[in-house]
Amino acid sequence: RITSVFMYPMSFVEFLTPLGEDLLL
């Protein structure tokens, strides 16, 4: 009756996005 999702710290991929490194990613 419940859906569980586990959330973790940011990955390296998630780290590159706010750095503006989308093309490198």
mmCIF file of all heavy atoms, coordinates in Angstrom:
data_MODEL
# 
_entry.id   MODEL 
# 
loop_
_atom_site.group_PDB 
_atom_site.id 
_atom_site.type_symbol 
_atom_site.label_atom_id 
_atom_site.label_alt_id 
_atom_site.label_comp_id 
_atom_site.label_asym_id 
_atom_site.label_entity_id 
_atom_site.label_seq_id 
_atom_site.pdbx_PDB_ins_code 
_atom_site.Cartn_x 
_atom_site.Cartn_y 
_atom_site.Cartn_z 
_atom_site.occupancy 
_atom_site.B_iso_or_equiv 
_atom_site.pdbx_formal_charge 
_atom_site.auth_seq_id 
_atom_site.auth_comp_id 
_atom_site.auth_asym_id 
_atom_site.auth_atom_id 
_atom_site.pdbx_PDB_model_num 
ATOM 1   N N   . ARG A 1 1  ? 0.806  -1.222 0.000   1.00 0.00 ? 1  ARG A N   1 
ATOM 2   C CA  . ARG A 1 1  ? 0.000  0.000  0.000   1.00 0.00 ? 1  ARG A CA  1 
ATOM 3   C C   . ARG A 1 1  ? 0.839  1.272  0.000   1.00 0.00 ? 1  ARG A C   1 
ATOM 4   O O   . ARG A 1 1  ? 0.302  2.368  0.003   1.00 0.00 ? 1  ARG A O   1 
ATOM 5   C CB  . ARG A 1 1  ? -0.940 -0.004 1.213   1.00 0.00 ? 1  ARG A CB  1 
ATOM 6   C CG  . ARG A 1 1  ? -1.987 -1.113 1.169   1.00 0.00 ? 1  ARG A CG  1 
ATOM 7   C CD  . ARG A 1 1  ? -2.709 -1.233 2.504   1.00 0.00 ? 1  ARG A CD  1 
ATOM 8   N NE  . ARG A 1 1  ? -3.771 -2.220 2.446   1.00 0.00 ? 1  ARG A NE  1 
ATOM 9   C CZ  . ARG A 1 1  ? -3.595 -3.532 2.597   1.00 0.00 ? 1  ARG A CZ  1 
ATOM 10  N NH1 . ARG A 1 1  ? -2.363 -4.002 2.808   1.00 0.00 ? 1  ARG A NH1 1 
ATOM 11  N NH2 . ARG A 1 1  ? -4.609 -4.368 2.539   1.00 0.00 ? 1  ARG A NH2 1 
ATOM 12  N N   . ILE A 1 2  ? 2.166  1.124  0.023   1.00 0.00 ? 2  ILE A N   1 
ATOM 13  C CA  . ILE A 1 2  ? 3.072  2.265  0.072   1.00 0.00 ? 2  ILE A CA  1 
ATOM 14  C C   . ILE A 1 2  ? 4.206  2.038  -0.915  1.00 0.00 ? 2  ILE A C   1 
ATOM 15  O O   . ILE A 1 2  ? 4.720  0.926  -1.045  1.00 0.00 ? 2  ILE A O   1 
ATOM 16  C CB  . ILE A 1 2  ? 3.645  2.458  1.495   1.00 0.00 ? 2  ILE A CB  1 
ATOM 17  C CG1 . ILE A 1 2  ? 2.530  2.726  2.502   1.00 0.00 ? 2  ILE A CG1 1 
ATOM 18  C CG2 . ILE A 1 2  ? 4.658  3.600  1.518   1.00 0.00 ? 2  ILE A CG2 1 
ATOM 19  C CD1 . ILE A 1 2  ? 2.991  2.660  3.939   1.00 0.00 ? 2  ILE A CD1 1 
ATOM 20  N N   . THR A 1 3  ? 4.598  3.089  -1.616  1.00 0.00 ? 3  THR A N   1 
ATOM 21  C CA  . THR A 1 3  ? 5.767  3.036  -2.503  1.00 0.00 ? 3  THR A CA  1 
ATOM 22  C C   . THR A 1 3  ? 6.948  3.699  -1.800  1.00 0.00 ? 3  THR A C   1 
ATOM 23  O O   . THR A 1 3  ? 6.848  4.844  -1.372  1.00 0.00 ? 3  THR A O   1 
ATOM 24  C CB  . THR A 1 3  ? 5.496  3.765  -3.831  1.00 0.00 ? 3  THR A CB  1 
ATOM 25  O OG1 . THR A 1 3  ? 4.421  3.124  -4.512  1.00 0.00 ? 3  THR A OG1 1 
ATOM 26  C CG2 . THR A 1 3  ? 6.730  3.750  -4.717  1.00 0.00 ? 3  THR A CG2 1 
ATOM 27  N N   . SER A 1 4  ? 8.050  2.969  -1.664  1.00 0.00 ? 4  SER A N   1 
ATOM 28  C CA  . SER A 1 4  ? 9.242  3.516  -1.012  1.00 0.00 ? 4  SER A CA  1 
ATOM 29  C C   . SER A 1 4  ? 10.309 3.844  -2.050  1.00 0.00 ? 4  SER A C   1 
ATOM 30  O O   . SER A 1 4  ? 10.540 3.065  -2.984  1.00 0.00 ? 4  SER A O   1 
ATOM 31  C CB  . SER A 1 4  ? 9.816  2.522  0.003   1.00 0.00 ? 4  SER A CB  1 
ATOM 32  O OG  . SER A 1 4  ? 9.017  2.449  1.161   1.00 0.00 ? 4  SER A OG  1 
ATOM 33  N N   . VAL A 1 5  ? 10.934 4.997  -1.872  1.00 0.00 ? 5  VAL A N   1 
ATOM 34  C CA  . VAL A 1 5  ? 12.050 5.412  -2.714  1.00 0.00 ? 5  VAL A CA  1 
ATOM 35  C C   . VAL A 1 5  ? 13.196 5.814  -1.798  1.00 0.00 ? 5  VAL A C   1 
ATOM 36  O O   . VAL A 1 5  ? 12.983 6.537  -0.817  1.00 0.00 ? 5  VAL A O   1 
ATOM 37  C CB  . VAL A 1 5  ? 11.664 6.605  -3.623  1.00 0.00 ? 5  VAL A CB  1 
ATOM 38  C CG1 . VAL A 1 5  ? 12.882 7.131  -4.363  1.00 0.00 ? 5  VAL A CG1 1 
ATOM 39  C CG2 . VAL A 1 5  ? 10.586 6.195  -4.617  1.00 0.00 ? 5  VAL A CG2 1 
ATOM 40  N N   . PHE A 1 6  ? 14.382 5.342  -2.102  1.00 0.00 ? 6  PHE A N   1 
ATOM 41  C CA  . PHE A 1 6  ? 15.549 5.692  -1.294  1.00 0.00 ? 6  PHE A CA  1 
ATOM 42  C C   . PHE A 1 6  ? 16.337 6.792  -2.013  1.00 0.00 ? 6  PHE A C   1 
ATOM 43  O O   . PHE A 1 6  ? 16.656 6.666  -3.195  1.00 0.00 ? 6  PHE A O   1 
ATOM 44  C CB  . PHE A 1 6  ? 16.434 4.469  -1.067  1.00 0.00 ? 6  PHE A CB  1 
ATOM 45  C CG  . PHE A 1 6  ? 15.814 3.457  -0.147  1.00 0.00 ? 6  PHE A CG  1 
ATOM 46  C CD1 . PHE A 1 6  ? 14.924 2.513  -0.621  1.00 0.00 ? 6  PHE A CD1 1 
ATOM 47  C CD2 . PHE A 1 6  ? 16.109 3.472  1.213   1.00 0.00 ? 6  PHE A CD2 1 
ATOM 48  C CE1 . PHE A 1 6  ? 14.332 1.583  0.224   1.00 0.00 ? 6  PHE A CE1 1 
ATOM 49  C CE2 . PHE A 1 6  ? 15.523 2.549  2.069   1.00 0.00 ? 6  PHE A CE2 1 
ATOM 50  C CZ  . PHE A 1 6  ? 14.638 1.599  1.578   1.00 0.00 ? 6  PHE A CZ  1 
ATOM 51  N N   . MET A 1 7  ? 16.628 7.855  -1.270  1.00 0.00 ? 7  MET A N   1 
ATOM 52  C CA  . MET A 1 7  ? 17.337 8.999  -1.845  1.00 0.00 ? 7  MET A CA  1 
ATOM 53  C C   . MET A 1 7  ? 18.725 9.096  -1.224  1.00 0.00 ? 7  MET A C   1 
ATOM 54  O O   . MET A 1 7  ? 18.901 8.910  -0.020  1.00 0.00 ? 7  MET A O   1 
ATOM 55  C CB  . MET A 1 7  ? 16.548 10.292 -1.592  1.00 0.00 ? 7  MET A CB  1 
ATOM 56  C CG  . MET A 1 7  ? 17.103 11.488 -2.331  1.00 0.00 ? 7  MET A CG  1 
ATOM 57  S SD  . MET A 1 7  ? 16.001 12.908 -2.184  1.00 0.00 ? 7  MET A SD  1 
ATOM 58  C CE  . MET A 1 7  ? 16.907 14.140 -3.126  1.00 0.00 ? 7  MET A CE  1 
ATOM 59  N N   . TYR A 1 8  ? 19.704 9.406  -2.065  1.00 0.00 ? 8  TYR A N   1 
ATOM 60  C CA  . TYR A 1 8  ? 21.103 9.431  -1.638  1.00 0.00 ? 8  TYR A CA  1 
ATOM 61  C C   . TYR A 1 8  ? 21.712 10.798 -1.945  1.00 0.00 ? 8  TYR A C   1 
ATOM 62  O O   . TYR A 1 8  ? 21.090 11.624 -2.619  1.00 0.00 ? 8  TYR A O   1 
ATOM 63  C CB  . TYR A 1 8  ? 21.878 8.329  -2.363  1.00 0.00 ? 8  TYR A CB  1 
ATOM 64  C CG  . TYR A 1 8  ? 21.297 6.953  -2.154  1.00 0.00 ? 8  TYR A CG  1 
ATOM 65  C CD1 . TYR A 1 8  ? 20.404 6.407  -3.079  1.00 0.00 ? 8  TYR A CD1 1 
ATOM 66  C CD2 . TYR A 1 8  ? 21.615 6.212  -1.018  1.00 0.00 ? 8  TYR A CD2 1 
ATOM 67  C CE1 . TYR A 1 8  ? 19.850 5.143  -2.885  1.00 0.00 ? 8  TYR A CE1 1 
ATOM 68  C CE2 . TYR A 1 8  ? 21.068 4.956  -0.812  1.00 0.00 ? 8  TYR A CE2 1 
ATOM 69  C CZ  . TYR A 1 8  ? 20.189 4.429  -1.740  1.00 0.00 ? 8  TYR A CZ  1 
ATOM 70  O OH  . TYR A 1 8  ? 19.633 3.191  -1.541  1.00 0.00 ? 8  TYR A OH  1 
ATOM 71  N N   . PRO A 1 9  ? 22.925 11.050 -1.464  1.00 0.00 ? 9  PRO A N   1 
ATOM 72  C CA  . PRO A 1 9  ? 23.596 12.301 -1.853  1.00 0.00 ? 9  PRO A CA  1 
ATOM 73  C C   . PRO A 1 9  ? 23.751 12.386 -3.363  1.00 0.00 ? 9  PRO A C   1 
ATOM 74  O O   . PRO A 1 9  ? 23.569 11.402 -4.093  1.00 0.00 ? 9  PRO A O   1 
ATOM 75  C CB  . PRO A 1 9  ? 24.961 12.188 -1.159  1.00 0.00 ? 9  PRO A CB  1 
ATOM 76  C CG  . PRO A 1 9  ? 24.715 11.293 0.006   1.00 0.00 ? 9  PRO A CG  1 
ATOM 77  C CD  . PRO A 1 9  ? 23.710 10.285 -0.469  1.00 0.00 ? 9  PRO A CD  1 
ATOM 78  N N   . MET A 1 10 ? 24.110 13.549 -3.838  1.00 0.00 ? 10 MET A N   1 
ATOM 79  C CA  . MET A 1 10 ? 24.232 13.783 -5.278  1.00 0.00 ? 10 MET A CA  1 
ATOM 80  C C   . MET A 1 10 ? 25.338 12.918 -5.869  1.00 0.00 ? 10 MET A C   1 
ATOM 81  O O   . MET A 1 10 ? 26.398 12.734 -5.267  1.00 0.00 ? 10 MET A O   1 
ATOM 82  C CB  . MET A 1 10 ? 24.518 15.256 -5.549  1.00 0.00 ? 10 MET A CB  1 
ATOM 83  C CG  . MET A 1 10 ? 23.415 16.185 -5.065  1.00 0.00 ? 10 MET A CG  1 
ATOM 84  S SD  . MET A 1 10 ? 23.797 17.934 -5.293  1.00 0.00 ? 10 MET A SD  1 
ATOM 85  C CE  . MET A 1 10 ? 23.635 18.081 -7.072  1.00 0.00 ? 10 MET A CE  1 
ATOM 86  N N   . SER A 1 11 ? 25.087 12.411 -7.067  1.00 0.00 ? 11 SER A N   1 
ATOM 87  C CA  . SER A 1 11 ? 26.097 11.654 -7.800  1.00 0.00 ? 11 SER A CA  1 
ATOM 88  C C   . SER A 1 11 ? 27.003 12.619 -8.564  1.00 0.00 ? 11 SER A C   1 
ATOM 89  O O   . SER A 1 11 ? 26.744 13.832 -8.626  1.00 0.00 ? 11 SER A O   1 
ATOM 90  C CB  . SER A 1 11 ? 25.408 10.706 -8.788  1.00 0.00 ? 11 SER A CB  1 
ATOM 91  O OG  . SER A 1 11 ? 24.725 11.463 -9.780  1.00 0.00 ? 11 SER A OG  1 
ATOM 92  N N   . PHE A 1 12 ? 28.059 12.079 -9.148  1.00 0.00 ? 12 PHE A N   1 
ATOM 93  C CA  . PHE A 1 12 ? 28.957 12.918 -9.954  1.00 0.00 ? 12 PHE A CA  1 
ATOM 94  C C   . PHE A 1 12 ? 28.214 13.538 -11.132 1.00 0.00 ? 12 PHE A C   1 
ATOM 95  O O   . PHE A 1 12 ? 28.441 14.698 -11.483 1.00 0.00 ? 12 PHE A O   1 
ATOM 96  C CB  . PHE A 1 12 ? 30.142 12.082 -10.442 1.00 0.00 ? 12 PHE A CB  1 
ATOM 97  C CG  . PHE A 1 12 ? 31.120 12.843 -11.277 1.00 0.00 ? 12 PHE A CG  1 
ATOM 98  C CD1 . PHE A 1 12 ? 31.739 13.988 -10.798 1.00 0.00 ? 12 PHE A CD1 1 
ATOM 99  C CD2 . PHE A 1 12 ? 31.433 12.420 -12.569 1.00 0.00 ? 12 PHE A CD2 1 
ATOM 100 C CE1 . PHE A 1 12 ? 32.653 14.712 -11.575 1.00 0.00 ? 12 PHE A CE1 1 
ATOM 101 C CE2 . PHE A 1 12 ? 32.343 13.118 -13.346 1.00 0.00 ? 12 PHE A CE2 1 
ATOM 102 C CZ  . PHE A 1 12 ? 32.955 14.266 -12.853 1.00 0.00 ? 12 PHE A CZ  1 
ATOM 103 N N   . VAL A 1 13 ? 27.299 12.768 -11.729 1.00 0.00 ? 13 VAL A N   1 
ATOM 104 C CA  . VAL A 1 13 ? 26.491 13.290 -12.842 1.00 0.00 ? 13 VAL A CA  1 
ATOM 105 C C   . VAL A 1 13 ? 25.649 14.471 -12.365 1.00 0.00 ? 13 VAL A C   1 
ATOM 106 O O   . VAL A 1 13 ? 25.571 15.508 -13.033 1.00 0.00 ? 13 VAL A O   1 
ATOM 107 C CB  . VAL A 1 13 ? 25.602 12.179 -13.426 1.00 0.00 ? 13 VAL A CB  1 
ATOM 108 C CG1 . VAL A 1 13 ? 24.571 12.761 -14.387 1.00 0.00 ? 13 VAL A CG1 1 
ATOM 109 C CG2 . VAL A 1 13 ? 26.457 11.138 -14.141 1.00 0.00 ? 13 VAL A CG2 1 
ATOM 110 N N   . GLU A 1 14 ? 25.012 14.320 -11.203 1.00 0.00 ? 14 GLU A N   1 
ATOM 111 C CA  . GLU A 1 14 ? 24.193 15.418 -10.670 1.00 0.00 ? 14 GLU A CA  1 
ATOM 112 C C   . GLU A 1 14 ? 25.062 16.612 -10.289 1.00 0.00 ? 14 GLU A C   1 
ATOM 113 O O   . GLU A 1 14 ? 24.601 17.757 -10.322 1.00 0.00 ? 14 GLU A O   1 
ATOM 114 C CB  . GLU A 1 14 ? 23.418 14.926 -9.451  1.00 0.00 ? 14 GLU A CB  1 
ATOM 115 C CG  . GLU A 1 14 ? 22.309 13.938 -9.772  1.00 0.00 ? 14 GLU A CG  1 
ATOM 116 C CD  . GLU A 1 14 ? 21.627 13.415 -8.534  1.00 0.00 ? 14 GLU A CD  1 
ATOM 117 O OE1 . GLU A 1 14 ? 22.312 12.787 -7.701  1.00 0.00 ? 14 GLU A OE1 1 
ATOM 118 O OE2 . GLU A 1 14 ? 20.408 13.633 -8.384  1.00 0.00 ? 14 GLU A OE2 1 
ATOM 119 N N   . PHE A 1 15 ? 26.296 16.374 -9.904  1.00 0.00 ? 15 PHE A N   1 
ATOM 120 C CA  . PHE A 1 15 ? 27.230 17.433 -9.544  1.00 0.00 ? 15 PHE A CA  1 
ATOM 121 C C   . PHE A 1 15 ? 27.613 18.280 -10.764 1.00 0.00 ? 15 PHE A C   1 
ATOM 122 O O   . PHE A 1 15 ? 27.755 19.500 -10.671 1.00 0.00 ? 15 PHE A O   1 
ATOM 123 C CB  . PHE A 1 15 ? 28.473 16.796 -8.915  1.00 0.00 ? 15 PHE A CB  1 
ATOM 124 C CG  . PHE A 1 15 ? 29.650 17.714 -8.730  1.00 0.00 ? 15 PHE A CG  1 
ATOM 125 C CD1 . PHE A 1 15 ? 29.609 18.736 -7.787  1.00 0.00 ? 15 PHE A CD1 1 
ATOM 126 C CD2 . PHE A 1 15 ? 30.798 17.557 -9.481  1.00 0.00 ? 15 PHE A CD2 1 
ATOM 127 C CE1 . PHE A 1 15 ? 30.701 19.579 -7.606  1.00 0.00 ? 15 PHE A CE1 1 
ATOM 128 C CE2 . PHE A 1 15 ? 31.896 18.387 -9.308  1.00 0.00 ? 15 PHE A CE2 1 
ATOM 129 C CZ  . PHE A 1 15 ? 31.838 19.407 -8.367  1.00 0.00 ? 15 PHE A CZ  1 
ATOM 130 N N   . LEU A 1 16 ? 27.754 17.634 -11.926 1.00 0.00 ? 16 LEU A N   1 
ATOM 131 C CA  . LEU A 1 16 ? 28.183 18.365 -13.123 1.00 0.00 ? 16 LEU A CA  1 
ATOM 132 C C   . LEU A 1 16 ? 27.111 19.322 -13.634 1.00 0.00 ? 16 LEU A C   1 
ATOM 133 O O   . LEU A 1 16 ? 27.426 20.378 -14.187 1.00 0.00 ? 16 LEU A O   1 
ATOM 134 C CB  . LEU A 1 16 ? 28.554 17.371 -14.232 1.00 0.00 ? 16 LEU A CB  1 
ATOM 135 C CG  . LEU A 1 16 ? 29.842 16.578 -14.046 1.00 0.00 ? 16 LEU A CG  1 
ATOM 136 C CD1 . LEU A 1 16 ? 30.043 15.617 -15.208 1.00 0.00 ? 16 LEU A CD1 1 
ATOM 137 C CD2 . LEU A 1 16 ? 31.044 17.510 -13.912 1.00 0.00 ? 16 LEU A CD2 1 
ATOM 138 N N   . THR A 1 17 ? 25.841 18.970 -13.454 1.00 0.00 ? 17 THR A N   1 
ATOM 139 C CA  . THR A 1 17 ? 24.762 19.789 -14.013 1.00 0.00 ? 17 THR A CA  1 
ATOM 140 C C   . THR A 1 17 ? 24.728 21.206 -13.431 1.00 0.00 ? 17 THR A C   1 
ATOM 141 O O   . THR A 1 17 ? 24.726 22.182 -14.195 1.00 0.00 ? 17 THR A O   1 
ATOM 142 C CB  . THR A 1 17 ? 23.404 19.089 -13.827 1.00 0.00 ? 17 THR A CB  1 
ATOM 143 O OG1 . THR A 1 17 ? 23.453 17.815 -14.488 1.00 0.00 ? 17 THR A OG1 1 
ATOM 144 C CG2 . THR A 1 17 ? 22.284 19.915 -14.418 1.00 0.00 ? 17 THR A CG2 1 
ATOM 145 N N   . PRO A 1 18 ? 24.703 21.396 -12.090 1.00 0.00 ? 18 PRO A N   1 
ATOM 146 C CA  . PRO A 1 18 ? 24.690 22.775 -11.582 1.00 0.00 ? 18 PRO A CA  1 
ATOM 147 C C   . PRO A 1 18 ? 25.988 23.527 -11.839 1.00 0.00 ? 18 PRO A C   1 
ATOM 148 O O   . PRO A 1 18 ? 26.014 24.755 -11.766 1.00 0.00 ? 18 PRO A O   1 
ATOM 149 C CB  . PRO A 1 18 ? 24.445 22.587 -10.073 1.00 0.00 ? 18 PRO A CB  1 
ATOM 150 C CG  . PRO A 1 18 ? 24.901 21.214 -9.763  1.00 0.00 ? 18 PRO A CG  1 
ATOM 151 C CD  . PRO A 1 18 ? 24.592 20.409 -10.997 1.00 0.00 ? 18 PRO A CD  1 
ATOM 152 N N   . LEU A 1 19 ? 27.058 22.786 -12.170 1.00 0.00 ? 19 LEU A N   1 
ATOM 153 C CA  . LEU A 1 19 ? 28.302 23.463 -12.542 1.00 0.00 ? 19 LEU A CA  1 
ATOM 154 C C   . LEU A 1 19 ? 28.214 24.062 -13.942 1.00 0.00 ? 19 LEU A C   1 
ATOM 155 O O   . LEU A 1 19 ? 29.077 24.823 -14.352 1.00 0.00 ? 19 LEU A O   1 
ATOM 156 C CB  . LEU A 1 19 ? 29.469 22.471 -12.496 1.00 0.00 ? 19 LEU A CB  1 
ATOM 157 C CG  . LEU A 1 19 ? 30.105 22.166 -11.139 1.00 0.00 ? 19 LEU A CG  1 
ATOM 158 C CD1 . LEU A 1 19 ? 31.250 21.183 -11.315 1.00 0.00 ? 19 LEU A CD1 1 
ATOM 159 C CD2 . LEU A 1 19 ? 30.611 23.435 -10.464 1.00 0.00 ? 19 LEU A CD2 1 
ATOM 160 N N   . GLY A 1 20 ? 27.176 23.683 -14.681 1.00 0.00 ? 20 GLY A N   1 
ATOM 161 C CA  . GLY A 1 20 ? 27.028 24.168 -16.043 1.00 0.00 ? 20 GLY A CA  1 
ATOM 162 C C   . GLY A 1 20 ? 27.838 23.361 -17.045 1.00 0.00 ? 20 GLY A C   1 
ATOM 163 O O   . GLY A 1 20 ? 28.099 23.830 -18.165 1.00 0.00 ? 20 GLY A O   1 
ATOM 164 N N   . GLU A 1 21 ? 28.201 22.135 -16.659 1.00 0.00 ? 21 GLU A N   1 
ATOM 165 C CA  . GLU A 1 21 ? 29.025 21.297 -17.527 1.00 0.00 ? 21 GLU A CA  1 
ATOM 166 C C   . GLU A 1 21 ? 28.168 20.300 -18.301 1.00 0.00 ? 21 GLU A C   1 
ATOM 167 O O   . GLU A 1 21 ? 28.491 19.110 -18.403 1.00 0.00 ? 21 GLU A O   1 
ATOM 168 C CB  . GLU A 1 21 ? 30.085 20.561 -16.689 1.00 0.00 ? 21 GLU A CB  1 
ATOM 169 C CG  . GLU A 1 21 ? 31.088 21.458 -16.005 1.00 0.00 ? 21 GLU A CG  1 
ATOM 170 C CD  . GLU A 1 21 ? 32.053 22.120 -16.992 1.00 0.00 ? 21 GLU A CD  1 
ATOM 171 O OE1 . GLU A 1 21 ? 32.046 21.724 -18.186 1.00 0.00 ? 21 GLU A OE1 1 
ATOM 172 O OE2 . GLU A 1 21 ? 32.795 23.020 -16.564 1.00 0.00 ? 21 GLU A OE2 1 
ATOM 173 N N   . ASP A 1 22 ? 27.081 20.776 -18.873 1.00 0.00 ? 22 ASP A N   1 
ATOM 174 C CA  . ASP A 1 22 ? 26.162 19.883 -19.584 1.00 0.00 ? 22 ASP A CA  1 
ATOM 175 C C   . ASP A 1 22 ? 26.816 19.266 -20.828 1.00 0.00 ? 22 ASP A C   1 
ATOM 176 O O   . ASP A 1 22 ? 26.556 18.095 -21.144 1.00 0.00 ? 22 ASP A O   1 
ATOM 177 C CB  . ASP A 1 22 ? 24.897 20.652 -19.990 1.00 0.00 ? 22 ASP A CB  1 
ATOM 178 C CG  . ASP A 1 22 ? 24.101 21.118 -18.787 1.00 0.00 ? 22 ASP A CG  1 
ATOM 179 O OD1 . ASP A 1 22 ? 23.839 20.291 -17.914 1.00 0.00 ? 22 ASP A OD1 1 
ATOM 180 O OD2 . ASP A 1 22 ? 23.749 22.316 -18.729 1.00 0.00 ? 22 ASP A OD2 1 
ATOM 181 N N   . LEU A 1 23 ? 27.623 20.032 -21.543 1.00 0.00 ? 23 LEU A N   1 
ATOM 182 C CA  . LEU A 1 23 ? 28.253 19.498 -22.753 1.00 0.00 ? 23 LEU A CA  1 
ATOM 183 C C   . LEU A 1 23 ? 29.278 18.433 -22.412 1.00 0.00 ? 23 LEU A C   1 
ATOM 184 O O   . LEU A 1 23 ? 29.380 17.398 -23.107 1.00 0.00 ? 23 LEU A O   1 
ATOM 185 C CB  . LEU A 1 23 ? 28.900 20.631 -23.556 1.00 0.00 ? 23 LEU A CB  1 
ATOM 186 C CG  . LEU A 1 23 ? 27.930 21.695 -24.080 1.00 0.00 ? 23 LEU A CG  1 
ATOM 187 C CD1 . LEU A 1 23 ? 28.685 22.782 -24.852 1.00 0.00 ? 23 LEU A CD1 1 
ATOM 188 C CD2 . LEU A 1 23 ? 26.876 21.056 -24.977 1.00 0.00 ? 23 LEU A CD2 1 
ATOM 189 N N   . LEU A 1 24 ? 30.040 18.651 -21.335 1.00 0.00 ? 24 LEU A N   1 
ATOM 190 C CA  . LEU A 1 24 ? 31.003 17.631 -20.891 1.00 0.00 ? 24 LEU A CA  1 
ATOM 191 C C   . LEU A 1 24 ? 30.255 16.378 -20.446 1.00 0.00 ? 24 LEU A C   1 
ATOM 192 O O   . LEU A 1 24 ? 30.667 15.251 -20.762 1.00 0.00 ? 24 LEU A O   1 
ATOM 193 C CB  . LEU A 1 24 ? 31.861 18.173 -19.755 1.00 0.00 ? 24 LEU A CB  1 
ATOM 194 C CG  . LEU A 1 24 ? 32.821 17.170 -19.106 1.00 0.00 ? 24 LEU A CG  1 
ATOM 195 C CD1 . LEU A 1 24 ? 33.837 16.660 -20.124 1.00 0.00 ? 24 LEU A CD1 1 
ATOM 196 C CD2 . LEU A 1 24 ? 33.530 17.793 -17.896 1.00 0.00 ? 24 LEU A CD2 1 
ATOM 197 N N   . LEU A 1 25 ? 29.162 16.574 -19.739 1.00 0.00 ? 25 LEU A N   1 
ATOM 198 C CA  . LEU A 1 25 ? 28.359 15.449 -19.273 1.00 0.00 ? 25 LEU A CA  1 
ATOM 199 C C   . LEU A 1 25 ? 27.845 14.627 -20.454 1.00 0.00 ? 25 LEU A C   1 
ATOM 200 O O   . LEU A 1 25 ? 27.843 13.388 -20.412 1.00 0.00 ? 25 LEU A O   1 
ATOM 201 C CB  . LEU A 1 25 ? 27.194 15.961 -18.419 1.00 0.00 ? 25 LEU A CB  1 
ATOM 202 C CG  . LEU A 1 25 ? 26.233 14.910 -17.858 1.00 0.00 ? 25 LEU A CG  1 
ATOM 203 C CD1 . LEU A 1 25 ? 26.976 13.880 -17.032 1.00 0.00 ? 25 LEU A CD1 1 
ATOM 204 C CD2 . LEU A 1 25 ? 25.152 15.588 -17.010 1.00 0.00 ? 25 LEU A CD2 1 
# 
